[in-house]
Amino acid sequence: MKVISKQKNAKMCFVCGLDNPHSLKAHFYNMEDGSVISPITYRQHHQSFPQRVHGGLLVTLLDELACRAYWVNGDYQLGVTTSFEVKYKKPVPYDIEVIGSGIIVEDKSRMFKTCTKIIDKDGTVYAEGLATFLKLPIEKIAKDYDLHEEMPYLIEDGITEIDYNYTFS
């Protein structure tokens, strides 16, 4: 599927922070179907039981995708998660690339809902989530915070397509 543009990375976010030594250092791509995608490879230190990624880290990526799905249209609306339903389908092994994907399914004046998934390139669904976010201005989330200061990194990498076998229905 065709990449339309790339989203910025933050400094200290646990999912995408490039200055955070503990970050997953995920990158996010706006796709032609209106979704956001993040290819990611979890490592052994992300495990719960041997040979599988900790479920909390899967939800962490799904939650980040849920907010970033709203940013696909260029509106950097912020919000706070008010509810999140997750379904684990299969254990995610580490050391293989999986793809996190999210798309807006409902958008109202004060809230939005997103559907998120973690899949592999063949379309196998490992986990899926349905999140509800309350839209809030940044000053209601954090004091003395500048979104442009915290999210300064746009690392162009020349990726124009991401091959995966899944569409949101």
C-alpha atoms as a PDB file:
ATOM      1  CA  MET A   1       0.000   0.000   0.000  1.00  0.00           C
ATOM      2  CA  LYS A   2       1.184   3.493  -0.828  1.00  0.00           C
ATOM      3  CA  VAL A   3       2.641   5.769   1.865  1.00  0.00           C
ATOM      4  CA  ILE A   4       1.270   9.313   1.642  1.00  0.00           C
ATOM      5  CA  SER A   5       3.527  10.870   4.295  1.00  0.00           C
ATOM      6  CA  LYS A   6       5.396  10.177   7.496  1.00  0.00           C
ATOM      7  CA  GLN A   7       4.504  11.423  10.967  1.00  0.00           C
ATOM      8  CA  LYS A   8       6.945  13.062  13.353  1.00  0.00           C
ATOM      9  CA  ASN A   9       8.671  11.301  16.239  1.00  0.00           C
ATOM     10  CA  ALA A  10       8.813  12.651  19.773  1.00  0.00           C
ATOM     11  CA  LYS A  11      11.770  13.108  22.053  1.00  0.00           C
ATOM     12  CA  MET A  12      10.729  11.050  25.103  1.00  0.00           C
ATOM     13  CA  CYS A  13       7.576   9.061  24.227  1.00  0.00           C
ATOM     14  CA  PHE A  14       7.902   5.389  25.202  1.00  0.00           C
ATOM     15  CA  VAL A  15       6.604   4.307  21.789  1.00  0.00           C
ATOM     16  CA  CYS A  16       8.236   6.759  19.370  1.00  0.00           C
ATOM     17  CA  GLY A  17      10.727   8.806  21.391  1.00  0.00           C
ATOM     18  CA  LEU A  18      14.087   9.027  19.691  1.00  0.00           C
ATOM     19  CA  ASP A  19      15.834  10.481  22.773  1.00  0.00           C
ATOM     20  CA  ASN A  20      14.382   7.859  25.133  1.00  0.00           C
ATOM     21  CA  PRO A  21      16.791   4.909  25.510  1.00  0.00           C
ATOM     22  CA  HIS A  22      13.873   2.634  26.508  1.00  0.00           C
ATOM     23  CA  SER A  23      11.614   3.634  23.604  1.00  0.00           C
ATOM     24  CA  LEU A  24      10.376   1.240  20.930  1.00  0.00           C
ATOM     25  CA  LYS A  25      11.478   3.967  18.467  1.00  0.00           C
ATOM     26  CA  ALA A  26       8.450   3.283  16.277  1.00  0.00           C
ATOM     27  CA  HIS A  27       7.878   5.232  13.074  1.00  0.00           C
ATOM     28  CA  PHE A  28       4.399   6.023  11.736  1.00  0.00           C
ATOM     29  CA  TYR A  29       3.244   6.320   8.134  1.00  0.00           C
ATOM     30  CA  ASN A  30       0.052   7.860   6.768  1.00  0.00           C
ATOM     31  CA  MET A  31      -1.378   5.484   4.188  1.00  0.00           C
ATOM     32  CA  GLU A  32      -3.486   5.973   1.071  1.00  0.00           C
ATOM     33  CA  ASP A  33      -6.517   4.236   2.648  1.00  0.00           C
ATOM     34  CA  GLY A  34      -6.628   6.791   5.505  1.00  0.00           C
ATOM     35  CA  SER A  35      -4.949   4.517   8.041  1.00  0.00           C
ATOM     36  CA  VAL A  36      -1.704   4.923   9.952  1.00  0.00           C
ATOM     37  CA  ILE A  37       0.861   2.110   9.959  1.00  0.00           C
ATOM     38  CA  SER A  38       3.898   1.340  12.093  1.00  0.00           C
ATOM     39  CA  PRO A  39       6.174  -1.575  11.183  1.00  0.00           C
ATOM     40  CA  ILE A  40       7.893  -2.775  14.348  1.00  0.00           C
ATOM     41  CA  THR A  41      10.062  -5.647  15.509  1.00  0.00           C
ATOM     42  CA  TYR A  42       9.820  -6.479  19.181  1.00  0.00           C
ATOM     43  CA  ARG A  43      12.929  -8.002  20.767  1.00  0.00           C
ATOM     44  CA  GLN A  44      13.552 -10.627  23.445  1.00  0.00           C
ATOM     45  CA  HIS A  45      13.678  -7.985  26.192  1.00  0.00           C
ATOM     46  CA  HIS A  46      10.011  -7.193  25.339  1.00  0.00           C
ATOM     47  CA  GLN A  47       8.873 -10.675  26.337  1.00  0.00           C
ATOM     48  CA  SER A  48       6.404 -11.855  28.944  1.00  0.00           C
ATOM     49  CA  PHE A  49       6.823 -15.588  28.683  1.00  0.00           C
ATOM     50  CA  PRO A  50       9.667 -16.893  26.513  1.00  0.00           C
ATOM     51  CA  GLN A  51       9.041 -16.554  22.783  1.00  0.00           C
ATOM     52  CA  ARG A  52       6.202 -14.032  23.073  1.00  0.00           C
ATOM     53  CA  VAL A  53       5.855 -10.278  23.441  1.00  0.00           C
ATOM     54  CA  HIS A  54       4.308  -8.920  26.638  1.00  0.00           C
ATOM     55  CA  GLY A  55       0.628  -8.086  26.071  1.00  0.00           C
ATOM     56  CA  GLY A  56       1.006  -4.711  27.767  1.00  0.00           C
ATOM     57  CA  LEU A  57       3.511  -3.660  25.118  1.00  0.00           C
ATOM     58  CA  LEU A  58       1.053  -4.661  22.399  1.00  0.00           C
ATOM     59  CA  VAL A  59      -1.640  -2.473  23.979  1.00  0.00           C
ATOM     60  CA  THR A  60       0.869   0.367  24.295  1.00  0.00           C
ATOM     61  CA  LEU A  61       1.454   0.315  20.530  1.00  0.00           C
ATOM     62  CA  LEU A  62      -2.288  -0.039  19.820  1.00  0.00           C
ATOM     63  CA  ASP A  63      -3.018   2.986  22.038  1.00  0.00           C
ATOM     64  CA  GLU A  64      -0.398   5.097  20.256  1.00  0.00           C
ATOM     65  CA  LEU A  65      -1.800   4.038  16.874  1.00  0.00           C
ATOM     66  CA  ALA A  66      -5.285   4.988  18.055  1.00  0.00           C
ATOM     67  CA  CYS A  67      -4.290   8.615  18.655  1.00  0.00           C
ATOM     68  CA  ARG A  68      -2.048   8.819  15.598  1.00  0.00           C
ATOM     69  CA  ALA A  69      -4.874   7.569  13.371  1.00  0.00           C
ATOM     70  CA  TYR A  70      -6.471  10.966  13.957  1.00  0.00           C
ATOM     71  CA  TRP A  71      -3.325  12.675  12.718  1.00  0.00           C
ATOM     72  CA  VAL A  72      -3.468  11.085   9.258  1.00  0.00           C
ATOM     73  CA  ASN A  73      -5.497  14.031   7.959  1.00  0.00           C
ATOM     74  CA  GLY A  74      -2.897  16.509   9.263  1.00  0.00           C
ATOM     75  CA  ASP A  75      -4.917  17.599  12.313  1.00  0.00           C
ATOM     76  CA  TYR A  76      -2.719  17.081  15.367  1.00  0.00           C
ATOM     77  CA  GLN A  77      -5.710  16.865  17.686  1.00  0.00           C
ATOM     78  CA  LEU A  78      -4.689  15.536  21.066  1.00  0.00           C
ATOM     79  CA  GLY A  79      -6.826  13.512  23.363  1.00  0.00           C
ATOM     80  CA  VAL A  80      -6.848  11.178  26.286  1.00  0.00           C
ATOM     81  CA  THR A  81      -7.919   7.577  26.139  1.00  0.00           C
ATOM     82  CA  THR A  82     -11.226   7.123  27.947  1.00  0.00           C
ATOM     83  CA  SER A  83     -11.724   3.467  27.081  1.00  0.00           C
ATOM     84  CA  PHE A  84      -9.794   0.747  25.336  1.00  0.00           C
ATOM     85  CA  GLU A  85     -10.997  -2.736  24.483  1.00  0.00           C
ATOM     86  CA  VAL A  86      -8.346  -5.183  23.340  1.00  0.00           C
ATOM     87  CA  LYS A  87      -8.643  -8.681  21.958  1.00  0.00           C
ATOM     88  CA  TYR A  88      -5.571 -10.859  21.828  1.00  0.00           C
ATOM     89  CA  LYS A  89      -5.819 -13.326  18.944  1.00  0.00           C
ATOM     90  CA  LYS A  90      -2.386 -14.976  18.861  1.00  0.00           C
ATOM     91  CA  PRO A  91       0.878 -14.590  20.760  1.00  0.00           C
ATOM     92  CA  VAL A  92       3.274 -12.202  19.028  1.00  0.00           C
ATOM     93  CA  PRO A  93       6.728 -13.727  18.679  1.00  0.00           C
ATOM     94  CA  TYR A  94       9.678 -11.408  19.021  1.00  0.00           C
ATOM     95  CA  ASP A  95      12.327 -10.915  16.329  1.00  0.00           C
ATOM     96  CA  ILE A  96       9.776 -10.825  13.482  1.00  0.00           C
ATOM     97  CA  GLU A  97       8.398  -7.671  11.905  1.00  0.00           C
ATOM     98  CA  VAL A  98       4.751  -6.990  12.620  1.00  0.00           C
ATOM     99  CA  ILE A  99       2.680  -4.033  11.516  1.00  0.00           C
ATOM    100  CA  GLY A 100       0.529  -1.893  13.764  1.00  0.00           C
ATOM    101  CA  SER A 101      -2.316  -0.205  11.962  1.00  0.00           C
ATOM    102  CA  GLY A 102      -5.088   2.153  13.006  1.00  0.00           C
ATOM    103  CA  ILE A 103      -8.003   4.003  11.440  1.00  0.00           C
ATOM    104  CA  ILE A 104     -10.722   6.380  12.616  1.00  0.00           C
ATOM    105  CA  VAL A 105     -14.148   4.729  12.795  1.00  0.00           C
ATOM    106  CA  GLU A 106     -16.096   7.574  14.427  1.00  0.00           C
ATOM    107  CA  ASP A 107     -15.419  11.294  14.788  1.00  0.00           C
ATOM    108  CA  LYS A 108     -17.596  13.643  16.824  1.00  0.00           C
ATOM    109  CA  SER A 109     -17.008  17.138  18.170  1.00  0.00           C
ATOM    110  CA  ARG A 110     -15.620  16.020  21.551  1.00  0.00           C
ATOM    111  CA  MET A 111     -14.475  12.438  20.951  1.00  0.00           C
ATOM    112  CA  PHE A 112     -13.233   9.987  18.357  1.00  0.00           C
ATOM    113  CA  LYS A 113     -13.015   6.208  18.102  1.00  0.00           C
ATOM    114  CA  THR A 114     -10.362   4.196  16.369  1.00  0.00           C
ATOM    115  CA  CYS A 115      -9.883   0.587  15.370  1.00  0.00           C
ATOM    116  CA  THR A 116      -6.327  -0.718  15.687  1.00  0.00           C
ATOM    117  CA  LYS A 117      -4.623  -3.984  14.788  1.00  0.00           C
ATOM    118  CA  ILE A 118      -1.273  -5.718  14.997  1.00  0.00           C
ATOM    119  CA  ILE A 119      -0.784  -7.992  12.015  1.00  0.00           C
ATOM    120  CA  ASP A 120       2.008  -9.625  10.072  1.00  0.00           C
ATOM    121  CA  LYS A 121       2.710  -9.108   6.378  1.00  0.00           C
ATOM    122  CA  ASP A 122       0.480 -12.070   5.498  1.00  0.00           C
ATOM    123  CA  GLY A 123      -2.512 -10.533   7.264  1.00  0.00           C
ATOM    124  CA  THR A 124      -2.509 -12.695  10.394  1.00  0.00           C
ATOM    125  CA  VAL A 125      -4.159 -10.666  13.172  1.00  0.00           C
ATOM    126  CA  TYR A 126      -2.356 -10.927  16.519  1.00  0.00           C
ATOM    127  CA  ALA A 127      -4.251  -8.276  18.494  1.00  0.00           C
ATOM    128  CA  GLU A 128      -6.921  -5.692  17.860  1.00  0.00           C
ATOM    129  CA  GLY A 129      -8.263  -2.775  19.792  1.00  0.00           C
ATOM    130  CA  LEU A 130     -11.133  -0.328  19.859  1.00  0.00           C
ATOM    131  CA  ALA A 131     -10.278   2.950  21.562  1.00  0.00           C
ATOM    132  CA  THR A 132     -12.311   6.001  22.513  1.00  0.00           C
ATOM    133  CA  PHE A 133     -10.506   9.319  22.957  1.00  0.00           C
ATOM    134  CA  LEU A 134     -11.748  12.534  24.492  1.00  0.00           C
ATOM    135  CA  LYS A 135     -10.454  15.479  22.447  1.00  0.00           C
ATOM    136  CA  LEU A 136      -8.600  17.956  24.648  1.00  0.00           C
ATOM    137  CA  PRO A 137      -6.412  20.989  24.025  1.00  0.00           C
ATOM    138  CA  ILE A 138      -2.791  20.509  25.037  1.00  0.00           C
ATOM    139  CA  GLU A 139      -3.048  22.925  27.960  1.00  0.00           C
ATOM    140  CA  LYS A 140      -5.609  20.602  29.593  1.00  0.00           C
ATOM    141  CA  ILE A 141      -3.258  17.625  29.219  1.00  0.00           C
ATOM    142  CA  ALA A 142       0.101  19.098  30.256  1.00  0.00           C
ATOM    143  CA  LYS A 143       1.255  22.461  31.578  1.00  0.00           C
ATOM    144  CA  ASP A 144       3.929  24.434  29.720  1.00  0.00           C
ATOM    145  CA  TYR A 145       4.044  21.906  26.884  1.00  0.00           C
ATOM    146  CA  ASP A 146       4.793  22.676  23.258  1.00  0.00           C
ATOM    147  CA  LEU A 147       3.840  19.892  20.849  1.00  0.00           C
ATOM    148  CA  HIS A 148       6.335  21.125  18.254  1.00  0.00           C
ATOM    149  CA  GLU A 149       9.112  21.149  20.866  1.00  0.00           C
ATOM    150  CA  GLU A 150       8.363  17.600  22.066  1.00  0.00           C
ATOM    151  CA  MET A 151       7.794  16.158  18.580  1.00  0.00           C
ATOM    152  CA  PRO A 152      10.554  17.725  16.496  1.00  0.00           C
ATOM    153  CA  TYR A 153      11.816  14.749  14.499  1.00  0.00           C
ATOM    154  CA  LEU A 154      10.703  14.046  10.962  1.00  0.00           C
ATOM    155  CA  ILE A 155      13.107  11.374   9.768  1.00  0.00           C
ATOM    156  CA  GLU A 156      12.586  10.928   6.046  1.00  0.00           C
ATOM    157  CA  ASP A 157      13.527   7.397   5.065  1.00  0.00           C
ATOM    158  CA  GLY A 158      12.362   7.158   1.449  1.00  0.00           C
ATOM    159  CA  ILE A 159       9.710   4.514   2.193  1.00  0.00           C
ATOM    160  CA  THR A 160       6.940   4.948  -0.390  1.00  0.00           C
ATOM    161  CA  GLU A 161       5.109   1.627   0.038  1.00  0.00           C
ATOM    162  CA  ILE A 162       4.557  -0.855   2.829  1.00  0.00           C
ATOM    163  CA  ASP A 163       3.633  -4.354   1.772  1.00  0.00           C
ATOM    164  CA  TYR A 164       0.997  -5.955   3.953  1.00  0.00           C
ATOM    165  CA  ASN A 165      -2.151  -7.928   3.372  1.00  0.00           C
ATOM    166  CA  TYR A 166      -4.965  -6.318   5.376  1.00  0.00           C
ATOM    167  CA  THR A 167      -7.707  -3.787   4.868  1.00  0.00           C
ATOM    168  CA  PHE A 168     -10.101  -2.299   7.409  1.00  0.00           C
ATOM    169  CA  SER A 169     -13.702  -3.146   6.628  1.00  0.00           C
END
